[in-house]
Amino acid sequence: MEEMVTLWTRQDERSLRDLEKLGVFRNRERYIRDNYENVADHFIYLYRWFSDAAAKRVPRPDGVEFHIWCSISHESMLRPIPGTVAYKLQIPKSKVIYLDGGKWDYVLNHIYIPKDYEDQESYIRDIESKGFKDQFNFIDGKYSRLFPEEKKRVMESWERVFEIDRWNIFTTQANIWEIWPENIVEIYRYEE
């Protein structure tokens, strides 16, 4: 019998309809667009990168566009807000993709994820020696088309998001590909 892990996730209340009508909930681009509105393109670009990188670790099922973000503890879960529900889930451990949420912040900001402090210092010295004033413009900024090797270097460092240096309930996060009714232990609804 496969080991199961407990996870929590907050999703749009339309996920209940998907579960009822389709028998499964899968994250879709339209849900991301509805959630992030005018900054959705930023997240979709990064979520596509993340989904492709995550699929190297846990195969993406056919028909799945994007991953589903989860918390690894009740204490750190996102609580329901108007228009959402939260799920307590039981997921086979082999289907869970863990990541360091602190390192994800580097990805959100389009910057290099260092291996450690020394690597960070070395990286900064290197880009300064090349005449770059900051590290924020290699992905979609003024340097993005001019310096493809630097862009590649930054994006390759993002793989470190899957390396968890310190496991804890607030920075360690999980992702899954889909939610089936049998995964749901409890549904939390917004209460005023």
N, C-alpha and C. Protein backbone atom coordinates (compact mmCIF):
# COMPACT_ATOMS: atom_id res chain seq x y z
N MET A 1 0.84 -1.19 0.00
CA MET A 1 0.00 0.00 0.00
C MET A 1 0.88 1.25 0.00
N GLU A 2 0.58 2.19 -0.88
CA GLU A 2 1.40 3.38 -1.03
C GLU A 2 1.22 4.35 0.14
N GLU A 3 2.33 4.96 0.54
CA GLU A 3 2.29 5.96 1.60
C GLU A 3 1.53 7.18 1.12
N MET A 4 0.68 7.71 1.97
CA MET A 4 -0.13 8.89 1.65
C MET A 4 0.38 10.08 2.46
N VAL A 5 0.23 11.27 1.90
CA VAL A 5 0.57 12.49 2.63
C VAL A 5 -0.66 13.39 2.65
N THR A 6 -0.75 14.18 3.71
CA THR A 6 -1.86 15.12 3.87
C THR A 6 -1.41 16.49 3.40
N LEU A 7 -2.21 17.10 2.54
CA LEU A 7 -1.94 18.42 2.00
C LEU A 7 -3.20 19.26 2.08
N TRP A 8 -3.04 20.58 1.98
CA TRP A 8 -4.17 21.50 1.98
C TRP A 8 -4.01 22.45 0.81
N THR A 9 -5.11 22.80 0.18
CA THR A 9 -5.06 23.75 -0.93
C THR A 9 -6.32 24.60 -0.95
N ARG A 10 -6.17 25.87 -1.28
CA ARG A 10 -7.32 26.75 -1.46
C ARG A 10 -7.54 26.92 -2.95
N GLN A 11 -8.79 26.75 -3.37
CA GLN A 11 -9.13 26.85 -4.79
C GLN A 11 -10.43 27.63 -4.96
N ASP A 12 -10.62 28.13 -6.16
CA ASP A 12 -11.87 28.78 -6.51
C ASP A 12 -13.02 27.81 -6.26
N GLU A 13 -14.16 28.34 -5.80
CA GLU A 13 -15.29 27.45 -5.51
C GLU A 13 -15.81 26.73 -6.76
N ARG A 14 -15.43 27.21 -7.96
CA ARG A 14 -15.81 26.50 -9.19
C ARG A 14 -15.16 25.12 -9.26
N SER A 15 -14.12 24.90 -8.46
CA SER A 15 -13.49 23.58 -8.42
C SER A 15 -14.47 22.51 -7.97
N LEU A 16 -15.43 22.89 -7.12
CA LEU A 16 -16.46 21.94 -6.68
C LEU A 16 -17.29 21.47 -7.87
N ARG A 17 -17.60 22.41 -8.76
CA ARG A 17 -18.37 22.07 -9.96
C ARG A 17 -17.58 21.13 -10.86
N ASP A 18 -16.28 21.40 -11.02
CA ASP A 18 -15.44 20.52 -11.83
C ASP A 18 -15.43 19.11 -11.26
N LEU A 19 -15.29 19.02 -9.94
CA LEU A 19 -15.28 17.71 -9.30
C LEU A 19 -16.59 16.96 -9.54
N GLU A 20 -17.69 17.69 -9.46
CA GLU A 20 -19.01 17.07 -9.65
C GLU A 20 -19.25 16.69 -11.11
N LYS A 21 -18.96 17.61 -12.02
CA LYS A 21 -19.28 17.37 -13.44
C LYS A 21 -18.23 16.54 -14.17
N LEU A 22 -16.95 16.80 -13.87
CA LEU A 22 -15.87 16.14 -14.59
C LEU A 22 -15.28 14.96 -13.83
N GLY A 23 -15.55 14.92 -12.52
CA GLY A 23 -15.01 13.84 -11.69
C GLY A 23 -13.57 14.07 -11.28
N VAL A 24 -13.00 15.25 -11.61
CA VAL A 24 -11.62 15.58 -11.26
C VAL A 24 -11.48 17.10 -11.32
N PHE A 25 -10.59 17.64 -10.48
CA PHE A 25 -10.26 19.06 -10.58
C PHE A 25 -8.84 19.18 -11.08
N ARG A 26 -8.67 20.00 -12.13
CA ARG A 26 -7.36 20.32 -12.70
C ARG A 26 -7.28 21.82 -12.87
N ASN A 27 -6.14 22.39 -12.53
CA ASN A 27 -5.94 23.82 -12.67
C ASN A 27 -5.88 24.17 -14.16
N ARG A 28 -6.49 25.27 -14.52
CA ARG A 28 -6.56 25.69 -15.91
C ARG A 28 -6.11 27.14 -16.06
N GLU A 29 -5.68 27.47 -17.26
CA GLU A 29 -5.22 28.84 -17.51
C GLU A 29 -6.30 29.86 -17.17
N ARG A 30 -7.53 29.56 -17.47
CA ARG A 30 -8.59 30.56 -17.20
C ARG A 30 -8.74 30.81 -15.71
N TYR A 31 -8.49 29.81 -14.87
CA TYR A 31 -8.56 30.02 -13.41
C TYR A 31 -7.42 30.94 -12.96
N ILE A 32 -6.25 30.76 -13.55
CA ILE A 32 -5.11 31.62 -13.20
C ILE A 32 -5.40 33.05 -13.65
N ARG A 33 -5.94 33.19 -14.86
CA ARG A 33 -6.27 34.53 -15.37
C ARG A 33 -7.32 35.20 -14.48
N ASP A 34 -8.33 34.46 -14.06
CA ASP A 34 -9.36 35.04 -13.20
C ASP A 34 -8.78 35.45 -11.84
N ASN A 35 -7.86 34.66 -11.33
CA ASN A 35 -7.29 34.92 -10.01
C ASN A 35 -6.31 36.09 -10.02
N TYR A 36 -5.45 36.15 -11.04
CA TYR A 36 -4.39 37.16 -11.06
C TYR A 36 -4.69 38.37 -11.94
N GLU A 37 -5.75 38.29 -12.71
CA GLU A 37 -6.23 39.39 -13.55
C GLU A 37 -5.12 40.04 -14.37
N ASN A 38 -4.78 41.32 -14.10
CA ASN A 38 -3.85 42.04 -14.97
C ASN A 38 -2.39 41.62 -14.83
N VAL A 39 -2.04 40.78 -13.86
CA VAL A 39 -0.67 40.25 -13.77
C VAL A 39 -0.64 38.76 -14.11
N ALA A 40 -1.71 38.28 -14.69
CA ALA A 40 -1.82 36.84 -15.00
C ALA A 40 -0.73 36.36 -15.94
N ASP A 41 -0.36 37.16 -16.93
CA ASP A 41 0.66 36.72 -17.89
C ASP A 41 1.98 36.40 -17.18
N HIS A 42 2.33 37.19 -16.19
CA HIS A 42 3.54 36.96 -15.41
C HIS A 42 3.49 35.58 -14.75
N PHE A 43 2.38 35.27 -14.10
CA PHE A 43 2.24 33.99 -13.41
C PHE A 43 2.13 32.83 -14.39
N ILE A 44 1.42 33.01 -15.46
CA ILE A 44 1.27 31.92 -16.44
C ILE A 44 2.63 31.55 -17.03
N TYR A 45 3.44 32.53 -17.35
CA TYR A 45 4.79 32.27 -17.86
C TYR A 45 5.58 31.42 -16.86
N LEU A 46 5.55 31.82 -15.59
CA LEU A 46 6.31 31.11 -14.56
C LEU A 46 5.68 29.76 -14.23
N TYR A 47 4.36 29.70 -14.22
CA TYR A 47 3.70 28.42 -13.95
C TYR A 47 3.96 27.42 -15.07
N ARG A 48 4.07 27.90 -16.31
CA ARG A 48 4.43 27.00 -17.42
C ARG A 48 5.83 26.44 -17.20
N TRP A 49 6.76 27.34 -16.82
CA TRP A 49 8.11 26.86 -16.54
C TRP A 49 8.06 25.83 -15.41
N PHE A 50 7.36 26.19 -14.33
CA PHE A 50 7.31 25.28 -13.18
C PHE A 50 6.68 23.94 -13.55
N SER A 51 5.58 23.97 -14.27
CA SER A 51 4.91 22.73 -14.66
C SER A 51 5.82 21.84 -15.50
N ASP A 52 6.56 22.45 -16.42
CA ASP A 52 7.48 21.66 -17.23
C ASP A 52 8.61 21.07 -16.38
N ALA A 53 9.14 21.86 -15.46
CA ALA A 53 10.21 21.37 -14.58
C ALA A 53 9.68 20.31 -13.62
N ALA A 54 8.48 20.52 -13.10
CA ALA A 54 7.88 19.55 -12.17
C ALA A 54 7.59 18.23 -12.86
N ALA A 55 7.21 18.29 -14.13
CA ALA A 55 6.89 17.07 -14.89
C ALA A 55 8.10 16.17 -15.05
N LYS A 56 9.31 16.71 -14.91
CA LYS A 56 10.52 15.89 -14.94
C LYS A 56 10.65 15.06 -13.66
N ARG A 57 9.96 15.48 -12.61
CA ARG A 57 10.05 14.83 -11.31
C ARG A 57 8.88 13.89 -11.04
N VAL A 58 7.68 14.36 -11.39
CA VAL A 58 6.47 13.55 -11.28
C VAL A 58 5.73 13.73 -12.60
N PRO A 59 5.56 12.67 -13.38
CA PRO A 59 4.93 12.82 -14.70
C PRO A 59 3.57 13.53 -14.64
N ARG A 60 3.38 14.42 -15.61
CA ARG A 60 2.12 15.16 -15.72
C ARG A 60 1.11 14.29 -16.45
N PRO A 61 -0.06 14.07 -15.86
CA PRO A 61 -1.08 13.27 -16.55
C PRO A 61 -1.58 13.95 -17.82
N ASP A 62 -2.01 13.18 -18.77
CA ASP A 62 -2.59 13.72 -20.00
C ASP A 62 -3.75 14.64 -19.64
N GLY A 63 -3.85 15.77 -20.34
CA GLY A 63 -4.95 16.70 -20.15
C GLY A 63 -4.73 17.72 -19.04
N VAL A 64 -3.60 17.66 -18.35
CA VAL A 64 -3.33 18.61 -17.27
C VAL A 64 -2.51 19.77 -17.82
N GLU A 65 -2.98 20.99 -17.57
CA GLU A 65 -2.25 22.19 -18.01
C GLU A 65 -1.24 22.66 -16.96
N PHE A 66 -1.72 22.83 -15.74
CA PHE A 66 -0.91 23.42 -14.68
C PHE A 66 -1.03 22.62 -13.38
N HIS A 67 -0.06 22.83 -12.53
CA HIS A 67 -0.01 22.20 -11.21
C HIS A 67 -1.02 22.86 -10.27
N ILE A 68 -1.22 22.22 -9.12
CA ILE A 68 -2.08 22.74 -8.06
C ILE A 68 -1.20 22.97 -6.84
N TRP A 69 -1.16 24.20 -6.37
CA TRP A 69 -0.31 24.58 -5.24
C TRP A 69 -0.94 24.12 -3.94
N CYS A 70 -0.13 23.57 -3.03
CA CYS A 70 -0.62 23.06 -1.74
C CYS A 70 0.30 23.45 -0.59
N SER A 71 -0.28 23.48 0.59
CA SER A 71 0.47 23.65 1.83
C SER A 71 0.68 22.27 2.43
N ILE A 72 1.75 22.15 3.23
CA ILE A 72 2.04 20.85 3.84
C ILE A 72 1.55 20.77 5.28
N SER A 73 0.91 21.84 5.78
CA SER A 73 0.39 21.80 7.15
C SER A 73 -0.89 22.62 7.25
N HIS A 74 -1.71 22.26 8.21
CA HIS A 74 -2.93 23.02 8.48
C HIS A 74 -2.58 24.43 8.93
N GLU A 75 -1.50 24.57 9.69
CA GLU A 75 -1.09 25.89 10.20
C GLU A 75 -0.71 26.85 9.09
N SER A 76 -0.15 26.35 8.01
CA SER A 76 0.33 27.23 6.94
C SER A 76 -0.61 27.27 5.73
N MET A 77 -1.73 26.58 5.83
CA MET A 77 -2.64 26.55 4.68
C MET A 77 -3.29 27.91 4.45
N LEU A 78 -3.62 28.18 3.20
CA LEU A 78 -4.39 29.39 2.87
C LEU A 78 -5.84 29.13 3.24
N ARG A 79 -6.38 29.96 4.10
CA ARG A 79 -7.77 29.82 4.54
C ARG A 79 -8.73 30.28 3.45
N PRO A 80 -9.94 29.74 3.44
CA PRO A 80 -10.91 30.18 2.43
C PRO A 80 -11.24 31.67 2.59
N ILE A 81 -11.38 32.32 1.46
CA ILE A 81 -11.85 33.70 1.39
C ILE A 81 -13.10 33.68 0.51
N PRO A 82 -13.84 34.77 0.41
CA PRO A 82 -15.04 34.75 -0.44
C PRO A 82 -14.74 34.23 -1.84
N GLY A 83 -15.58 33.32 -2.31
CA GLY A 83 -15.43 32.75 -3.65
C GLY A 83 -14.50 31.55 -3.72
N THR A 84 -14.00 31.10 -2.56
CA THR A 84 -13.06 29.97 -2.55
C THR A 84 -13.49 28.92 -1.54
N VAL A 85 -12.87 27.76 -1.69
CA VAL A 85 -12.96 26.70 -0.69
C VAL A 85 -11.53 26.20 -0.47
N ALA A 86 -11.32 25.54 0.66
CA ALA A 86 -10.02 24.90 0.90
C ALA A 86 -10.28 23.41 1.08
N TYR A 87 -9.35 22.62 0.60
CA TYR A 87 -9.46 21.17 0.69
C TYR A 87 -8.35 20.62 1.56
N LYS A 88 -8.72 19.67 2.40
CA LYS A 88 -7.73 18.82 3.07
C LYS A 88 -7.69 17.55 2.23
N LEU A 89 -6.49 17.18 1.80
CA LEU A 89 -6.34 16.08 0.84
C LEU A 89 -5.44 14.97 1.38
N GLN A 90 -5.67 13.78 0.91
CA GLN A 90 -4.77 12.65 1.08
C GLN A 90 -4.29 12.28 -0.32
N ILE A 91 -2.98 12.42 -0.55
CA ILE A 91 -2.40 12.21 -1.87
C ILE A 91 -1.29 11.16 -1.76
N PRO A 92 -1.21 10.24 -2.72
CA PRO A 92 -0.07 9.32 -2.71
C PRO A 92 1.25 10.10 -2.76
N LYS A 93 2.17 9.75 -1.90
CA LYS A 93 3.44 10.47 -1.79
C LYS A 93 4.17 10.54 -3.14
N SER A 94 4.04 9.50 -3.95
CA SER A 94 4.73 9.48 -5.25
C SER A 94 4.18 10.51 -6.23
N LYS A 95 3.04 11.12 -5.92
CA LYS A 95 2.42 12.09 -6.81
C LYS A 95 2.61 13.54 -6.35
N VAL A 96 3.43 13.71 -5.31
CA VAL A 96 3.64 15.04 -4.73
C VAL A 96 5.01 15.59 -5.14
N ILE A 97 5.01 16.85 -5.53
CA ILE A 97 6.23 17.55 -5.92
C ILE A 97 6.49 18.61 -4.85
N TYR A 98 7.58 18.47 -4.12
CA TYR A 98 7.91 19.43 -3.06
C TYR A 98 8.83 20.51 -3.59
N LEU A 99 8.71 21.70 -3.00
CA LEU A 99 9.58 22.81 -3.38
C LEU A 99 9.81 23.72 -2.20
N ASP A 100 10.82 24.57 -2.34
CA ASP A 100 11.15 25.57 -1.34
C ASP A 100 10.46 26.87 -1.74
N GLY A 101 9.47 27.28 -0.97
CA GLY A 101 8.73 28.49 -1.28
C GLY A 101 9.57 29.76 -1.22
N GLY A 102 10.61 29.77 -0.38
CA GLY A 102 11.52 30.91 -0.35
C GLY A 102 12.27 31.05 -1.66
N LYS A 103 12.67 29.92 -2.22
CA LYS A 103 13.35 29.95 -3.51
C LYS A 103 12.38 30.32 -4.63
N TRP A 104 11.11 29.97 -4.47
CA TRP A 104 10.11 30.34 -5.47
C TRP A 104 10.04 31.86 -5.60
N ASP A 105 10.27 32.58 -4.51
CA ASP A 105 10.27 34.04 -4.57
C ASP A 105 11.33 34.56 -5.55
N TYR A 106 12.46 33.86 -5.66
CA TYR A 106 13.47 34.24 -6.64
C TYR A 106 12.91 34.09 -8.05
N VAL A 107 12.19 33.00 -8.28
CA VAL A 107 11.59 32.77 -9.59
C VAL A 107 10.57 33.86 -9.90
N LEU A 108 9.73 34.17 -8.92
CA LEU A 108 8.73 35.22 -9.13
C LEU A 108 9.37 36.56 -9.49
N ASN A 109 10.56 36.79 -8.96
CA ASN A 109 11.27 38.04 -9.24
C ASN A 109 12.25 37.93 -10.40
N HIS A 110 12.24 36.76 -11.06
CA HIS A 110 13.08 36.55 -12.25
C HIS A 110 14.57 36.67 -11.96
N ILE A 111 15.00 36.20 -10.80
CA ILE A 111 16.42 36.31 -10.47
C ILE A 111 17.04 34.94 -10.20
N TYR A 112 18.33 34.94 -10.18
CA TYR A 112 19.17 33.75 -9.99
C TYR A 112 18.98 33.17 -8.58
N ILE A 113 18.79 31.86 -8.50
CA ILE A 113 18.73 31.17 -7.21
C ILE A 113 20.14 30.64 -6.91
N PRO A 114 20.79 31.20 -5.91
CA PRO A 114 22.14 30.74 -5.60
C PRO A 114 22.13 29.40 -4.86
N LYS A 115 23.26 28.67 -4.99
CA LYS A 115 23.43 27.41 -4.26
C LYS A 115 23.57 27.69 -2.77
N ASP A 116 24.27 28.78 -2.45
CA ASP A 116 24.53 29.15 -1.06
C ASP A 116 25.02 30.60 -1.06
N TYR A 117 25.43 31.08 0.10
CA TYR A 117 25.87 32.47 0.23
C TYR A 117 27.07 32.77 -0.67
N GLU A 118 28.04 31.85 -0.69
CA GLU A 118 29.23 32.06 -1.51
C GLU A 118 28.88 32.14 -2.99
N ASP A 119 27.97 31.28 -3.42
CA ASP A 119 27.53 31.30 -4.82
C ASP A 119 26.84 32.62 -5.14
N GLN A 120 26.03 33.12 -4.21
CA GLN A 120 25.34 34.40 -4.42
C GLN A 120 26.37 35.52 -4.58
N GLU A 121 27.36 35.57 -3.71
CA GLU A 121 28.39 36.60 -3.78
C GLU A 121 29.18 36.50 -5.09
N SER A 122 29.52 35.29 -5.48
CA SER A 122 30.25 35.06 -6.73
C SER A 122 29.42 35.50 -7.93
N TYR A 123 28.14 35.18 -7.92
CA TYR A 123 27.25 35.56 -9.02
C TYR A 123 27.17 37.08 -9.14
N ILE A 124 26.96 37.76 -8.03
CA ILE A 124 26.86 39.23 -8.05
C ILE A 124 28.16 39.85 -8.56
N ARG A 125 29.29 39.36 -8.09
CA ARG A 125 30.59 39.87 -8.57
C ARG A 125 30.72 39.65 -10.07
N ASP A 126 30.29 38.48 -10.53
CA ASP A 126 30.41 38.16 -11.95
C ASP A 126 29.55 39.09 -12.81
N ILE A 127 28.30 39.29 -12.46
CA ILE A 127 27.46 40.16 -13.32
C ILE A 127 27.91 41.62 -13.22
N GLU A 128 28.41 42.03 -12.05
CA GLU A 128 28.94 43.40 -11.94
C GLU A 128 30.18 43.57 -12.81
N SER A 129 31.03 42.52 -12.84
CA SER A 129 32.24 42.60 -13.67
C SER A 129 31.90 42.68 -15.16
N LYS A 130 30.72 42.22 -15.52
CA LYS A 130 30.26 42.29 -16.91
C LYS A 130 29.54 43.61 -17.21
N GLY A 131 29.43 44.46 -16.18
CA GLY A 131 28.82 45.78 -16.38
C GLY A 131 27.34 45.87 -16.09
N PHE A 132 26.75 44.80 -15.57
CA PHE A 132 25.32 44.84 -15.26
C PHE A 132 25.10 45.56 -13.93
N LYS A 133 24.12 46.42 -13.88
CA LYS A 133 23.84 47.21 -12.68
C LYS A 133 22.99 46.45 -11.66
N ASP A 134 22.22 45.48 -12.14
CA ASP A 134 21.36 44.70 -11.24
C ASP A 134 21.12 43.33 -11.85
N GLN A 135 20.39 42.49 -11.13
CA GLN A 135 20.12 41.12 -11.60
C GLN A 135 18.68 40.90 -12.04
N PHE A 136 17.92 41.97 -12.20
CA PHE A 136 16.48 41.85 -12.43
C PHE A 136 16.02 41.96 -13.88
N ASN A 137 16.91 42.04 -14.83
CA ASN A 137 16.49 42.32 -16.20
C ASN A 137 16.86 41.27 -17.23
N PHE A 138 17.23 40.08 -16.80
CA PHE A 138 17.66 39.07 -17.76
C PHE A 138 16.51 38.27 -18.36
N ILE A 139 15.39 38.16 -17.67
CA ILE A 139 14.29 37.33 -18.15
C ILE A 139 13.35 38.10 -19.06
N ASP A 140 12.89 39.26 -18.62
CA ASP A 140 11.99 40.02 -19.48
C ASP A 140 12.30 41.52 -19.47
N GLY A 141 13.43 41.88 -18.93
CA GLY A 141 13.81 43.28 -18.86
C GLY A 141 14.68 43.71 -20.03
N LYS A 142 15.42 44.77 -19.81
CA LYS A 142 16.20 45.38 -20.89
C LYS A 142 17.33 44.49 -21.41
N TYR A 143 17.77 43.50 -20.61
CA TYR A 143 18.85 42.61 -21.05
C TYR A 143 18.34 41.30 -21.65
N SER A 144 17.06 41.06 -21.61
CA SER A 144 16.54 39.72 -21.93
C SER A 144 16.89 39.24 -23.34
N ARG A 145 16.87 40.12 -24.32
CA ARG A 145 17.18 39.69 -25.69
C ARG A 145 18.65 39.87 -26.03
N LEU A 146 19.32 40.71 -25.27
CA LEU A 146 20.72 41.02 -25.56
C LEU A 146 21.69 39.99 -25.00
N PHE A 147 21.30 39.33 -23.91
CA PHE A 147 22.23 38.43 -23.23
C PHE A 147 21.56 37.08 -22.95
N PRO A 148 21.33 36.28 -23.98
CA PRO A 148 20.62 35.00 -23.81
C PRO A 148 21.36 34.04 -22.88
N GLU A 149 22.69 34.12 -22.82
CA GLU A 149 23.43 33.22 -21.93
C GLU A 149 23.14 33.53 -20.46
N GLU A 150 23.00 34.82 -20.14
CA GLU A 150 22.67 35.20 -18.76
C GLU A 150 21.24 34.77 -18.42
N LYS A 151 20.35 34.93 -19.39
CA LYS A 151 18.96 34.49 -19.19
C LYS A 151 18.93 32.99 -18.92
N LYS A 152 19.68 32.24 -19.71
CA LYS A 152 19.74 30.78 -19.56
C LYS A 152 20.31 30.42 -18.18
N ARG A 153 21.35 31.11 -17.78
CA ARG A 153 21.98 30.86 -16.48
C ARG A 153 20.98 31.07 -15.34
N VAL A 154 20.22 32.15 -15.40
CA VAL A 154 19.22 32.43 -14.37
C VAL A 154 18.15 31.33 -14.37
N MET A 155 17.62 31.02 -15.54
CA MET A 155 16.54 30.03 -15.60
C MET A 155 17.01 28.64 -15.20
N GLU A 156 18.23 28.28 -15.52
CA GLU A 156 18.75 26.99 -15.07
C GLU A 156 18.87 26.94 -13.56
N SER A 157 19.18 28.07 -12.93
CA SER A 157 19.28 28.10 -11.46
C SER A 157 17.92 27.85 -10.80
N TRP A 158 16.85 28.15 -11.51
CA TRP A 158 15.52 27.96 -10.94
C TRP A 158 15.22 26.51 -10.58
N GLU A 159 15.93 25.58 -11.18
CA GLU A 159 15.74 24.16 -10.83
C GLU A 159 15.99 23.94 -9.34
N ARG A 160 16.75 24.83 -8.71
CA ARG A 160 17.04 24.70 -7.28
C ARG A 160 15.81 24.91 -6.41
N VAL A 161 14.73 25.39 -7.01
CA VAL A 161 13.49 25.55 -6.25
C VAL A 161 13.04 24.19 -5.67
N PHE A 162 13.46 23.11 -6.31
CA PHE A 162 13.08 21.77 -5.86
C PHE A 162 14.04 21.21 -4.80
N GLU A 163 15.10 21.95 -4.50
CA GLU A 163 16.06 21.54 -3.47
C GLU A 163 15.67 22.21 -2.16
N ILE A 164 15.24 21.43 -1.21
CA ILE A 164 14.77 21.97 0.07
C ILE A 164 15.92 21.86 1.08
N ASP A 165 16.46 23.02 1.44
CA ASP A 165 17.58 23.06 2.37
C ASP A 165 17.13 22.91 3.82
N ARG A 166 16.02 23.53 4.14
CA ARG A 166 15.46 23.43 5.50
C ARG A 166 13.97 23.12 5.39
N TRP A 167 13.61 21.93 5.80
CA TRP A 167 12.21 21.52 5.73
C TRP A 167 11.45 22.15 6.88
N ASN A 168 10.44 22.97 6.56
CA ASN A 168 9.56 23.51 7.60
C ASN A 168 8.19 23.80 6.99
N ILE A 169 7.21 23.96 7.85
CA ILE A 169 5.82 24.05 7.39
C ILE A 169 5.49 25.36 6.69
N PHE A 170 6.35 26.36 6.81
CA PHE A 170 6.03 27.64 6.21
C PHE A 170 6.70 27.88 4.87
N THR A 171 7.89 27.34 4.66
CA THR A 171 8.54 27.56 3.36
C THR A 171 8.49 26.33 2.46
N THR A 172 8.35 25.16 3.05
CA THR A 172 8.22 23.96 2.22
C THR A 172 6.79 23.89 1.71
N GLN A 173 6.64 23.76 0.41
CA GLN A 173 5.32 23.69 -0.21
C GLN A 173 5.25 22.46 -1.10
N ALA A 174 4.05 22.15 -1.53
CA ALA A 174 3.86 20.97 -2.36
C ALA A 174 2.99 21.33 -3.55
N ASN A 175 3.14 20.54 -4.60
CA ASN A 175 2.30 20.67 -5.78
C ASN A 175 1.84 19.30 -6.21
N ILE A 176 0.64 19.27 -6.74
CA ILE A 176 0.08 18.04 -7.29
C ILE A 176 -0.51 18.40 -8.65
N TRP A 177 -0.85 17.39 -9.42
CA TRP A 177 -1.39 17.64 -10.76
C TRP A 177 -2.90 17.70 -10.80
N GLU A 178 -3.57 16.95 -9.93
CA GLU A 178 -5.03 16.89 -10.00
C GLU A 178 -5.60 16.44 -8.67
N ILE A 179 -6.88 16.73 -8.47
CA ILE A 179 -7.60 16.31 -7.28
C ILE A 179 -8.79 15.46 -7.71
N TRP A 180 -8.84 14.25 -7.19
CA TRP A 180 -9.96 13.35 -7.42
C TRP A 180 -10.83 13.33 -6.17
N PRO A 181 -12.12 13.08 -6.29
CA PRO A 181 -12.99 13.06 -5.10
C PRO A 181 -12.46 12.19 -3.97
N GLU A 182 -11.84 11.07 -4.31
CA GLU A 182 -11.34 10.18 -3.27
C GLU A 182 -10.13 10.76 -2.53
N ASN A 183 -9.53 11.84 -3.05
CA ASN A 183 -8.42 12.51 -2.36
C ASN A 183 -8.90 13.44 -1.25
N ILE A 184 -10.17 13.83 -1.31
CA ILE A 184 -10.68 14.87 -0.41
C ILE A 184 -11.09 14.27 0.94
N VAL A 185 -10.46 14.80 1.99
CA VAL A 185 -10.77 14.39 3.36
C VAL A 185 -11.79 15.34 3.96
N GLU A 186 -11.61 16.64 3.67
CA GLU A 186 -12.50 17.66 4.24
C GLU A 186 -12.51 18.87 3.33
N ILE A 187 -13.63 19.58 3.32
CA ILE A 187 -13.77 20.81 2.55
C ILE A 187 -14.05 21.92 3.54
N TYR A 188 -13.26 22.99 3.49
CA TYR A 188 -13.47 24.15 4.35
C TYR A 188 -14.09 25.25 3.49
N ARG A 189 -15.14 25.83 4.00
CA ARG A 189 -15.82 26.91 3.26
C ARG A 189 -15.62 28.24 3.99
N TYR A 190 -15.75 29.33 3.25
CA TYR A 190 -15.62 30.65 3.85
C TYR A 190 -16.81 30.92 4.76
N GLU A 191 -16.50 31.41 5.95
CA GLU A 191 -17.55 31.78 6.89
C GLU A 191 -17.30 33.22 7.32
N GLU A 192 -18.35 34.03 7.21
CA GLU A 192 -18.19 35.45 7.59
C GLU A 192 -18.17 35.60 9.09
